[in-house]
Full PDB file with SEQRES, HELIX, SHEET, SSBOND, CRYST1, ORIGX, SCALE, CONECT and MASTER records, all heavy atoms in Angstrom:
SEQRES   1 A   40  THR LEU ALA ALA PRO ALA ALA PHE ALA GLN SER GLN THR          
SEQRES   2 A   40  THR ALA GLN GLN ALA LYS ASP ALA GLU LYS ILE ALA GLN          
SEQRES   3 A   40  ALA ALA GLU GLN LYS ALA GLU ALA ALA ASP ALA ALA ALA          
SEQRES   4 A   40  LYS                                                          
HELIX    1 AA1 ALA A    3  ALA A   39  1                                  37    
CRYST1    1.000    1.000    1.000  90.00  90.00  90.00 P 1           1          
ORIGX1      1.000000  0.000000  0.000000        0.00000                         
ORIGX2      0.000000  1.000000  0.000000        0.00000                         
ORIGX3      0.000000  0.000000  1.000000        0.00000                         
SCALE1      1.000000  0.000000  0.000000        0.00000                         
SCALE2      0.000000  1.000000  0.000000        0.00000                         
SCALE3      0.000000  0.000000  1.000000        0.00000                         
ATOM      1  N   THR A   1     -31.314 -27.122-153.426  1.00  0.00           N  
ATOM      2  CA  THR A   1     -30.432 -27.127-152.263  1.00  0.00           C  
ATOM      3  C   THR A   1     -30.475 -28.481-151.562  1.00  0.00           C  
ATOM      4  O   THR A   1     -29.443 -29.005-151.125  1.00  0.00           O  
ATOM      5  CB  THR A   1     -30.819 -26.007-151.279  1.00  0.00           C  
ATOM      6  OG1 THR A   1     -30.759 -24.765-151.964  1.00  0.00           O  
ATOM      7  CG2 THR A   1     -29.897 -25.973-150.095  1.00  0.00           C  
ATOM      8  N   LEU A   2     -31.650 -29.049-151.449  1.00  0.00           N  
ATOM      9  CA  LEU A   2     -31.791 -30.349-150.792  1.00  0.00           C  
ATOM     10  C   LEU A   2     -31.286 -31.487-151.693  1.00  0.00           C  
ATOM     11  O   LEU A   2     -30.783 -32.492-151.204  1.00  0.00           O  
ATOM     12  CB  LEU A   2     -33.248 -30.585-150.397  1.00  0.00           C  
ATOM     13  CG  LEU A   2     -33.794 -29.647-149.316  1.00  0.00           C  
ATOM     14  CD1 LEU A   2     -35.273 -29.910-149.088  1.00  0.00           C  
ATOM     15  CD2 LEU A   2     -33.029 -29.794-148.022  1.00  0.00           C  
ATOM     16  N   ALA A   3     -31.434 -31.315-152.997  1.00  0.00           N  
ATOM     17  CA  ALA A   3     -31.030 -32.372-153.924  1.00  0.00           C  
ATOM     18  C   ALA A   3     -29.521 -32.419-154.128  1.00  0.00           C  
ATOM     19  O   ALA A   3     -28.961 -33.472-154.429  1.00  0.00           O  
ATOM     20  CB  ALA A   3     -31.726 -32.180-155.265  1.00  0.00           C  
ATOM     21  N   ALA A   4     -28.852 -31.292-153.962  1.00  0.00           N  
ATOM     22  CA  ALA A   4     -27.409 -31.241-154.216  1.00  0.00           C  
ATOM     23  C   ALA A   4     -26.621 -32.228-153.356  1.00  0.00           C  
ATOM     24  O   ALA A   4     -25.786 -32.974-153.891  1.00  0.00           O  
ATOM     25  CB  ALA A   4     -26.894 -29.827-154.036  1.00  0.00           C  
ATOM     26  N   PRO A   5     -26.839 -32.295-152.035  1.00  0.00           N  
ATOM     27  CA  PRO A   5     -26.078 -33.277-151.253  1.00  0.00           C  
ATOM     28  C   PRO A   5     -26.387 -34.721-151.660  1.00  0.00           C  
ATOM     29  O   PRO A   5     -25.490 -35.568-151.683  1.00  0.00           O  
ATOM     30  CB  PRO A   5     -26.522 -33.015-149.811  1.00  0.00           C  
ATOM     31  CG  PRO A   5     -27.041 -31.629-149.810  1.00  0.00           C  
ATOM     32  CD  PRO A   5     -27.616 -31.414-151.177  1.00  0.00           C  
ATOM     33  N   ALA A   6     -27.627 -34.983-151.999  1.00  0.00           N  
ATOM     34  CA  ALA A   6     -27.984 -36.342-152.430  1.00  0.00           C  
ATOM     35  C   ALA A   6     -27.292 -36.672-153.741  1.00  0.00           C  
ATOM     36  O   ALA A   6     -26.774 -37.785-153.917  1.00  0.00           O  
ATOM     37  CB  ALA A   6     -29.494 -36.472-152.571  1.00  0.00           C  
ATOM     38  N   ALA A   7     -27.259 -35.714-154.640  1.00  0.00           N  
ATOM     39  CA  ALA A   7     -26.586 -35.937-155.916  1.00  0.00           C  
ATOM     40  C   ALA A   7     -25.082 -36.118-155.704  1.00  0.00           C  
ATOM     41  O   ALA A   7     -24.449 -36.970-156.336  1.00  0.00           O  
ATOM     42  CB  ALA A   7     -26.855 -34.771-156.864  1.00  0.00           C  
ATOM     43  N   PHE A   8     -24.518 -35.338-154.808  1.00  0.00           N  
ATOM     44  CA  PHE A   8     -23.099 -35.466-154.504  1.00  0.00           C  
ATOM     45  C   PHE A   8     -22.805 -36.841-153.891  1.00  0.00           C  
ATOM     46  O   PHE A   8     -21.854 -37.517-154.287  1.00  0.00           O  
ATOM     47  CB  PHE A   8     -22.645 -34.356-153.552  1.00  0.00           C  
ATOM     48  CG  PHE A   8     -21.206 -34.456-153.174  1.00  0.00           C  
ATOM     49  CD1 PHE A   8     -20.215 -34.102-154.067  1.00  0.00           C  
ATOM     50  CD2 PHE A   8     -20.829 -34.926-151.921  1.00  0.00           C  
ATOM     51  CE1 PHE A   8     -18.877 -34.202-153.731  1.00  0.00           C  
ATOM     52  CE2 PHE A   8     -19.490 -35.032-151.578  1.00  0.00           C  
ATOM     53  CZ  PHE A   8     -18.519 -34.664-152.479  1.00  0.00           C  
ATOM     54  N   ALA A   9     -23.636 -37.244-152.950  1.00  0.00           N  
ATOM     55  CA  ALA A   9     -23.453 -38.560-152.325  1.00  0.00           C  
ATOM     56  C   ALA A   9     -23.583 -39.675-153.356  1.00  0.00           C  
ATOM     57  O   ALA A   9     -22.811 -40.637-153.342  1.00  0.00           O  
ATOM     58  CB  ALA A   9     -24.458 -38.748-151.194  1.00  0.00           C  
ATOM     59  N   GLN A  10     -24.541 -39.521-154.259  1.00  0.00           N  
ATOM     60  CA  GLN A  10     -24.717 -40.529-155.304  1.00  0.00           C  
ATOM     61  C   GLN A  10     -23.495 -40.569-156.219  1.00  0.00           C  
ATOM     62  O   GLN A  10     -23.033 -41.644-156.598  1.00  0.00           O  
ATOM     63  CB  GLN A  10     -25.977 -40.233-156.129  1.00  0.00           C  
ATOM     64  CG  GLN A  10     -26.240 -41.244-157.222  1.00  0.00           C  
ATOM     65  CD  GLN A  10     -26.470 -42.640-156.680  1.00  0.00           C  
ATOM     66  OE1 GLN A  10     -27.145 -42.814-155.678  1.00  0.00           O  
ATOM     67  NE2 GLN A  10     -25.902 -43.641-157.334  1.00  0.00           N  
ATOM     68  N   SER A  11     -22.942 -39.394-156.523  1.00  0.00           N  
ATOM     69  CA  SER A  11     -21.753 -39.375-157.387  1.00  0.00           C  
ATOM     70  C   SER A  11     -20.564 -40.015-156.677  1.00  0.00           C  
ATOM     71  O   SER A  11     -19.757 -40.700-157.308  1.00  0.00           O  
ATOM     72  CB  SER A  11     -21.429 -37.952-157.824  1.00  0.00           C  
ATOM     73  OG  SER A  11     -20.929 -37.192-156.735  1.00  0.00           O  
ATOM     74  N   GLN A  12     -20.470 -39.817-155.363  1.00  0.00           N  
ATOM     75  CA  GLN A  12     -19.388 -40.447-154.597  1.00  0.00           C  
ATOM     76  C   GLN A  12     -19.565 -41.964-154.586  1.00  0.00           C  
ATOM     77  O   GLN A  12     -18.591 -42.718-154.738  1.00  0.00           O  
ATOM     78  CB  GLN A  12     -19.364 -39.903-153.162  1.00  0.00           C  
ATOM     79  CG  GLN A  12     -18.968 -38.436-153.070  1.00  0.00           C  
ATOM     80  CD  GLN A  12     -17.576 -38.192-153.613  1.00  0.00           C  
ATOM     81  OE1 GLN A  12     -16.626 -38.869-153.246  1.00  0.00           O  
ATOM     82  NE2 GLN A  12     -17.442 -37.235-154.507  1.00  0.00           N  
ATOM     83  N   THR A  13     -20.793 -42.407-154.416  1.00  0.00           N  
ATOM     84  CA  THR A  13     -21.080 -43.850-154.427  1.00  0.00           C  
ATOM     85  C   THR A  13     -20.741 -44.434-155.795  1.00  0.00           C  
ATOM     86  O   THR A  13     -20.111 -45.494-155.895  1.00  0.00           O  
ATOM     87  CB  THR A  13     -22.560 -44.104-154.086  1.00  0.00           C  
ATOM     88  OG1 THR A  13     -22.820 -43.567-152.795  1.00  0.00           O  
ATOM     89  CG2 THR A  13     -22.894 -45.582-154.100  1.00  0.00           C  
ATOM     90  N   THR A  14     -21.149 -43.740-156.827  1.00  0.00           N  
ATOM     91  CA  THR A  14     -20.872 -44.208-158.185  1.00  0.00           C  
ATOM     92  C   THR A  14     -19.361 -44.241-158.446  1.00  0.00           C  
ATOM     93  O   THR A  14     -18.850 -45.192-159.043  1.00  0.00           O  
ATOM     94  CB  THR A  14     -21.575 -43.306-159.213  1.00  0.00           C  
ATOM     95  OG1 THR A  14     -22.977 -43.294-158.942  1.00  0.00           O  
ATOM     96  CG2 THR A  14     -21.344 -43.780-160.631  1.00  0.00           C  
ATOM     97  N   ALA A  15     -18.659 -43.236-157.983  1.00  0.00           N  
ATOM     98  CA  ALA A  15     -17.205 -43.208-158.160  1.00  0.00           C  
ATOM     99  C   ALA A  15     -16.549 -44.368-157.415  1.00  0.00           C  
ATOM    100  O   ALA A  15     -15.645 -45.019-157.945  1.00  0.00           O  
ATOM    101  CB  ALA A  15     -16.638 -41.876-157.676  1.00  0.00           C  
ATOM    102  N   GLN A  16     -17.010 -44.649-156.212  1.00  0.00           N  
ATOM    103  CA  GLN A  16     -16.456 -45.763-155.443  1.00  0.00           C  
ATOM    104  C   GLN A  16     -16.757 -47.096-156.126  1.00  0.00           C  
ATOM    105  O   GLN A  16     -15.910 -47.983-156.173  1.00  0.00           O  
ATOM    106  CB  GLN A  16     -17.006 -45.769-154.007  1.00  0.00           C  
ATOM    107  CG  GLN A  16     -16.377 -46.824-153.117  1.00  0.00           C  
ATOM    108  CD  GLN A  16     -14.867 -46.642-152.976  1.00  0.00           C  
ATOM    109  OE1 GLN A  16     -14.386 -45.539-152.743  1.00  0.00           O  
ATOM    110  NE2 GLN A  16     -14.117 -47.720-153.121  1.00  0.00           N  
ATOM    111  N   GLN A  17     -17.974 -47.219-156.658  1.00  0.00           N  
ATOM    112  CA  GLN A  17     -18.326 -48.444-157.378  1.00  0.00           C  
ATOM    113  C   GLN A  17     -17.439 -48.612-158.608  1.00  0.00           C  
ATOM    114  O   GLN A  17     -17.021 -49.735-158.928  1.00  0.00           O  
ATOM    115  CB  GLN A  17     -19.802 -48.418-157.779  1.00  0.00           C  
ATOM    116  CG  GLN A  17     -20.749 -48.590-156.603  1.00  0.00           C  
ATOM    117  CD  GLN A  17     -22.202 -48.372-156.991  1.00  0.00           C  
ATOM    118  OE1 GLN A  17     -22.506 -47.794-158.025  1.00  0.00           O  
ATOM    119  NE2 GLN A  17     -23.096 -48.838-156.135  1.00  0.00           N  
ATOM    120  N   ALA A  18     -17.144 -47.510-159.273  1.00  0.00           N  
ATOM    121  CA  ALA A  18     -16.263 -47.585-160.443  1.00  0.00           C  
ATOM    122  C   ALA A  18     -14.857 -48.010-160.034  1.00  0.00           C  
ATOM    123  O   ALA A  18     -14.223 -48.832-160.704  1.00  0.00           O  
ATOM    124  CB  ALA A  18     -16.229 -46.238-161.158  1.00  0.00           C  
ATOM    125  N   LYS A  19     -14.363 -47.482-158.923  1.00  0.00           N  
ATOM    126  CA  LYS A  19     -13.035 -47.881-158.429  1.00  0.00           C  
ATOM    127  C   LYS A  19     -13.025 -49.360-158.054  1.00  0.00           C  
ATOM    128  O   LYS A  19     -12.073 -50.080-158.365  1.00  0.00           O  
ATOM    129  CB  LYS A  19     -12.641 -47.042-157.218  1.00  0.00           C  
ATOM    130  CG  LYS A  19     -12.284 -45.610-157.553  1.00  0.00           C  
ATOM    131  CD  LYS A  19     -11.947 -44.818-156.294  1.00  0.00           C  
ATOM    132  CE  LYS A  19     -11.679 -43.361-156.600  1.00  0.00           C  
ATOM    133  NZ  LYS A  19     -11.415 -42.574-155.389  1.00  0.00           N  
ATOM    134  N   ASP A  20     -14.085 -49.799-157.381  1.00  0.00           N  
ATOM    135  CA  ASP A  20     -14.177 -51.210-157.002  1.00  0.00           C  
ATOM    136  C   ASP A  20     -14.223 -52.109-158.241  1.00  0.00           C  
ATOM    137  O   ASP A  20     -13.570 -53.155-158.283  1.00  0.00           O  
ATOM    138  CB  ASP A  20     -15.425 -51.454-156.138  1.00  0.00           C  
ATOM    139  CG  ASP A  20     -15.328 -50.792-154.775  1.00  0.00           C  
ATOM    140  OD1 ASP A  20     -14.220 -50.382-154.367  1.00  0.00           O  
ATOM    141  OD2 ASP A  20     -16.384 -50.673-154.099  1.00  0.00           O  
ATOM    142  N   ALA A  21     -14.996 -51.690-159.237  1.00  0.00           N  
ATOM    143  CA  ALA A  21     -15.079 -52.471-160.474  1.00  0.00           C  
ATOM    144  C   ALA A  21     -13.731 -52.525-161.173  1.00  0.00           C  
ATOM    145  O   ALA A  21     -13.343 -53.561-161.725  1.00  0.00           O  
ATOM    146  CB  ALA A  21     -16.138 -51.867-161.398  1.00  0.00           C  
ATOM    147  N   GLU A  22     -12.983 -51.422-161.127  1.00  0.00           N  
ATOM    148  CA  GLU A  22     -11.663 -51.402-161.741  1.00  0.00           C  
ATOM    149  C   GLU A  22     -10.712 -52.359-161.021  1.00  0.00           C  
ATOM    150  O   GLU A  22      -9.952 -53.096-161.658  1.00  0.00           O  
ATOM    151  CB  GLU A  22     -11.086 -49.981-161.715  1.00  0.00           C  
ATOM    152  CG  GLU A  22      -9.753 -49.862-162.420  1.00  0.00           C  
ATOM    153  CD  GLU A  22      -9.214 -48.443-162.430  1.00  0.00           C  
ATOM    154  OE1 GLU A  22      -9.869 -47.525-161.914  1.00  0.00           O  
ATOM    155  OE2 GLU A  22      -8.107 -48.263-162.962  1.00  0.00           O  
ATOM    156  N   LYS A  23     -10.786 -52.384-159.690  1.00  0.00           N  
ATOM    157  CA  LYS A  23      -9.935 -53.306-158.924  1.00  0.00           C  
ATOM    158  C   LYS A  23     -10.289 -54.752-159.252  1.00  0.00           C  
ATOM    159  O   LYS A  23      -9.405 -55.603-159.401  1.00  0.00           O  
ATOM    160  CB  LYS A  23     -10.100 -53.056-157.426  1.00  0.00           C  
ATOM    161  CG  LYS A  23      -9.433 -51.796-156.949  1.00  0.00           C  
ATOM    162  CD  LYS A  23      -9.636 -51.592-155.458  1.00  0.00           C  
ATOM    163  CE  LYS A  23      -9.044 -50.277-154.980  1.00  0.00           C  
ATOM    164  NZ  LYS A  23      -9.298 -50.051-153.553  1.00  0.00           N  
ATOM    165  N   ILE A  24     -11.574 -55.033-159.363  1.00  0.00           N  
ATOM    166  CA  ILE A  24     -12.015 -56.394-159.692  1.00  0.00           C  
ATOM    167  C   ILE A  24     -11.520 -56.771-161.087  1.00  0.00           C  
ATOM    168  O   ILE A  24     -11.052 -57.898-161.305  1.00  0.00           O  
ATOM    169  CB  ILE A  24     -13.547 -56.500-159.575  1.00  0.00           C  
ATOM    170  CG1 ILE A  24     -13.965 -56.417-158.104  1.00  0.00           C  
ATOM    171  CG2 ILE A  24     -14.067 -57.788-160.200  1.00  0.00           C  
ATOM    172  CD1 ILE A  24     -15.450 -56.247-157.882  1.00  0.00           C  
ATOM    173  N   ALA A  25     -11.627 -55.829-162.021  1.00  0.00           N  
ATOM    174  CA  ALA A  25     -11.162 -56.100-163.385  1.00  0.00           C  
ATOM    175  C   ALA A  25      -9.661 -56.346-163.414  1.00  0.00           C  
ATOM    176  O   ALA A  25      -9.183 -57.239-164.125  1.00  0.00           O  
ATOM    177  CB  ALA A  25     -11.534 -54.932-164.301  1.00  0.00           C  
ATOM    178  N   GLN A  26      -8.905 -55.583-162.638  1.00  0.00           N  
ATOM    179  CA  GLN A  26      -7.448 -55.776-162.589  1.00  0.00           C  
ATOM    180  C   GLN A  26      -7.112 -57.136-161.989  1.00  0.00           C  
ATOM    181  O   GLN A  26      -6.217 -57.841-162.482  1.00  0.00           O  
ATOM    182  CB  GLN A  26      -6.792 -54.669-161.776  1.00  0.00           C  
ATOM    183  CG  GLN A  26      -6.752 -53.332-162.481  1.00  0.00           C  
ATOM    184  CD  GLN A  26      -6.222 -52.215-161.596  1.00  0.00           C  
ATOM    185  OE1 GLN A  26      -6.113 -52.356-160.387  1.00  0.00           O  
ATOM    186  NE2 GLN A  26      -5.896 -51.078-162.206  1.00  0.00           N  
ATOM    187  N   ALA A  27      -7.829 -57.513-160.942  1.00  0.00           N  
ATOM    188  CA  ALA A  27      -7.588 -58.822-160.328  1.00  0.00           C  
ATOM    189  C   ALA A  27      -7.921 -59.944-161.311  1.00  0.00           C  
ATOM    190  O   ALA A  27      -7.181 -60.930-161.413  1.00  0.00           O  
ATOM    191  CB  ALA A  27      -8.416 -58.969-159.053  1.00  0.00           C  
ATOM    192  N   ALA A  28      -9.011 -59.773-162.048  1.00  0.00           N  
ATOM    193  CA  ALA A  28      -9.384 -60.779-163.041  1.00  0.00           C  
ATOM    194  C   ALA A  28      -8.341 -60.864-164.147  1.00  0.00           C  
ATOM    195  O   ALA A  28      -7.990 -61.965-164.601  1.00  0.00           O  
ATOM    196  CB  ALA A  28     -10.752 -60.449-163.631  1.00  0.00           C  
ATOM    197  N   GLU A  29      -7.805 -59.732-164.544  1.00  0.00           N  
ATOM    198  CA  GLU A  29      -6.767 -59.727-165.573  1.00  0.00           C  
ATOM    199  C   GLU A  29      -5.506 -60.431-165.068  1.00  0.00           C  
ATOM    200  O   GLU A  29      -4.880 -61.212-165.798  1.00  0.00           O  
ATOM    201  CB  GLU A  29      -6.437 -58.293-165.980  1.00  0.00           C  
ATOM    202  CG  GLU A  29      -5.433 -58.204-167.114  1.00  0.00           C  
ATOM    203  CD  GLU A  29      -5.149 -56.777-167.561  1.00  0.00           C  
ATOM    204  OE1 GLU A  29      -5.781 -55.838-167.047  1.00  0.00           O  
ATOM    205  OE2 GLU A  29      -4.281 -56.618-168.430  1.00  0.00           O  
ATOM    206  N   GLN A  30      -5.142 -60.183-163.817  1.00  0.00           N  
ATOM    207  CA  GLN A  30      -3.967 -60.843-163.249  1.00  0.00           C  
ATOM    208  C   GLN A  30      -4.181 -62.346-163.167  1.00  0.00           C  
ATOM    209  O   GLN A  30      -3.271 -63.136-163.461  1.00  0.00           O  
ATOM    210  CB  GLN A  30      -3.658 -60.276-161.867  1.00  0.00           C  
ATOM    211  CG  GLN A  30      -3.106 -58.862-161.912  1.00  0.00           C  
ATOM    212  CD  GLN A  30      -2.949 -58.234-160.540  1.00  0.00           C  
ATOM    213  OE1 GLN A  30      -3.478 -58.742-159.556  1.00  0.00           O  
ATOM    214  NE2 GLN A  30      -2.228 -57.127-160.471  1.00  0.00           N  
ATOM    215  N   LYS A  31      -5.398 -62.756-162.779  1.00  0.00           N  
ATOM    216  CA  LYS A  31      -5.690 -64.193-162.730  1.00  0.00           C  
ATOM    217  C   LYS A  31      -5.628 -64.801-164.126  1.00  0.00           C  
ATOM    218  O   LYS A  31      -5.131 -65.928-164.293  1.00  0.00           O  
ATOM    219  CB  LYS A  31      -7.063 -64.430-162.108  1.00  0.00           C  
ATOM    220  CG  LYS A  31      -7.095 -64.215-160.622  1.00  0.00           C  
ATOM    221  CD  LYS A  31      -8.472 -64.492-160.043  1.00  0.00           C  
ATOM    222  CE  LYS A  31      -8.493 -64.243-158.547  1.00  0.00           C  
ATOM    223  NZ  LYS A  31      -9.820 -64.503-157.960  1.00  0.00           N  
ATOM    224  N   ALA A  32      -6.129 -64.088-165.107  1.00  0.00           N  
ATOM    225  CA  ALA A  32      -6.080 -64.588-166.481  1.00  0.00           C  
ATOM    226  C   ALA A  32      -4.637 -64.717-166.959  1.00  0.00           C  
ATOM    227  O   ALA A  32      -4.284 -65.709-167.619  1.00  0.00           O  
ATOM    228  CB  ALA A  32      -6.873 -63.663-167.406  1.00  0.00           C  
ATOM    229  N   GLU A  33      -3.811 -63.748-166.627  1.00  0.00           N  
ATOM    230  CA  GLU A  33      -2.394 -63.816-167.012  1.00  0.00           C  
ATOM    231  C   GLU A  33      -1.701 -64.982-166.321  1.00  0.00           C  
ATOM    232  O   GLU A  33      -0.885 -65.681-166.935  1.00  0.00           O  
ATOM    233  CB  GLU A  33      -1.693 -62.497-166.682  1.00  0.00           C  
ATOM    234  CG  GLU A  33      -2.100 -61.345-167.582  1.00  0.00           C  
ATOM    235  CD  GLU A  33      -1.553 -60.002-167.139  1.00  0.00           C  
ATOM    236  OE1 GLU A  33      -0.889 -59.925-166.076  1.00  0.00           O  
ATOM    237  OE2 GLU A  33      -1.771 -59.015-167.855  1.00  0.00           O  
ATOM    238  N   ALA A  34      -2.031 -65.200-165.046  1.00  0.00           N  
ATOM    239  CA  ALA A  34      -1.442 -66.326-164.316  1.00  0.00           C  
ATOM    240  C   ALA A  34      -1.906 -67.649-164.924  1.00  0.00           C  
ATOM    241  O   ALA A  34      -1.110 -68.589-165.064  1.00  0.00           O  
ATOM    242  CB  ALA A  34      -1.817 -66.248-162.840  1.00  0.00           C  
ATOM    243  N   ALA A  35      -3.171 -67.722-165.280  1.00  0.00           N  
ATOM    244  CA  ALA A  35      -3.692 -68.943-165.901  1.00  0.00           C  
ATOM    245  C   ALA A  35      -3.030 -69.186-167.251  1.00  0.00           C  
ATOM    246  O   ALA A  35      -2.705 -70.332-167.600  1.00  0.00           O  
ATOM    247  CB  ALA A  35      -5.208 -68.851-166.061  1.00  0.00           C  
ATOM    248  N   ASP A  36      -2.799 -68.132-168.000  1.00  0.00           N  
ATOM    249  CA  ASP A  36      -2.128 -68.250-169.286  1.00  0.00           C  
ATOM    250  C   ASP A  36      -0.697 -68.746-169.098  1.00  0.00           C  
ATOM    251  O   ASP A  36      -0.233 -69.628-169.818  1.00  0.00           O  
ATOM    252  CB  ASP A  36      -2.140 -66.903-170.013  1.00  0.00           C  
ATOM    253  CG  ASP A  36      -1.577 -66.987-171.417  1.00  0.00           C  
ATOM    254  OD1 ASP A  36      -1.956 -67.908-172.163  1.00  0.00           O  
ATOM    255  OD2 ASP A  36      -0.752 -66.118-171.773  1.00  0.00           O  
ATOM    256  N   ALA A  37      -0.020 -68.192-168.102  1.00  0.00           N  
ATOM    257  CA  ALA A  37       1.360 -68.636-167.822  1.00  0.00           C  
ATOM    258  C   ALA A  37       1.373 -70.107-167.409  1.00  0.00           C  
ATOM    259  O   ALA A  37       2.227 -70.877-167.849  1.00  0.00           O  
ATOM    260  CB  ALA A  37       1.979 -67.762-166.735  1.00  0.00           C  
ATOM    261  N   ALA A  38       0.405 -70.488-166.572  1.00  0.00           N  
ATOM    262  CA  ALA A  38       0.332 -71.889-166.140  1.00  0.00           C  
ATOM    263  C   ALA A  38       0.042 -72.802-167.328  1.00  0.00           C  
ATOM    264  O   ALA A  38       0.600 -73.903-167.430  1.00  0.00           O  
ATOM    265  CB  ALA A  38      -0.741 -72.053-165.066  1.00  0.00           C  
ATOM    266  N   ALA A  39      -0.809 -72.348-168.224  1.00  0.00           N  
ATOM    267  CA  ALA A  39      -1.122 -73.142-169.409  1.00  0.00           C  
ATOM    268  C   ALA A  39       0.113 -73.317-170.285  1.00  0.00           C  
ATOM    269  O   ALA A  39       0.345 -74.398-170.835  1.00  0.00           O  
ATOM    270  CB  ALA A  39      -2.251 -72.486-170.201  1.00  0.00           C  
ATOM    271  N   LYS A  40       0.915 -72.263-170.401  1.00  0.00           N  
ATOM    272  CA  LYS A  40       2.146 -72.367-171.193  1.00  0.00           C  
ATOM    273  C   LYS A  40       3.119 -73.349-170.558  1.00  0.00           C  
ATOM    274  O   LYS A  40       3.781 -74.118-171.254  1.00  0.00           O  
ATOM    275  CB  LYS A  40       2.789 -70.992-171.353  1.00  0.00           C  
ATOM    276  CG  LYS A  40       2.026 -70.098-172.304  1.00  0.00           C  
ATOM    277  CD  LYS A  40       2.665 -68.736-172.431  1.00  0.00           C  
ATOM    278  CE  LYS A  40       1.855 -67.846-173.380  1.00  0.00           C  
ATOM    279  NZ  LYS A  40       2.371 -66.491-173.471  1.00  0.00           N  
TER     280      LYS A  40                                                      
MASTER        0    0    0    1    0    0    0    6  279    1    0    4          
END                                                                             
């Protein structure tokens, strides 16, 4: 009973970290595409 909220909070933190990592990856991909276009 005591561990369940901690596990839930940890899963929420992990989910948020995954969303943040996805946003960072998308931004990096956009920068790479822009750099490729500039190189062309």
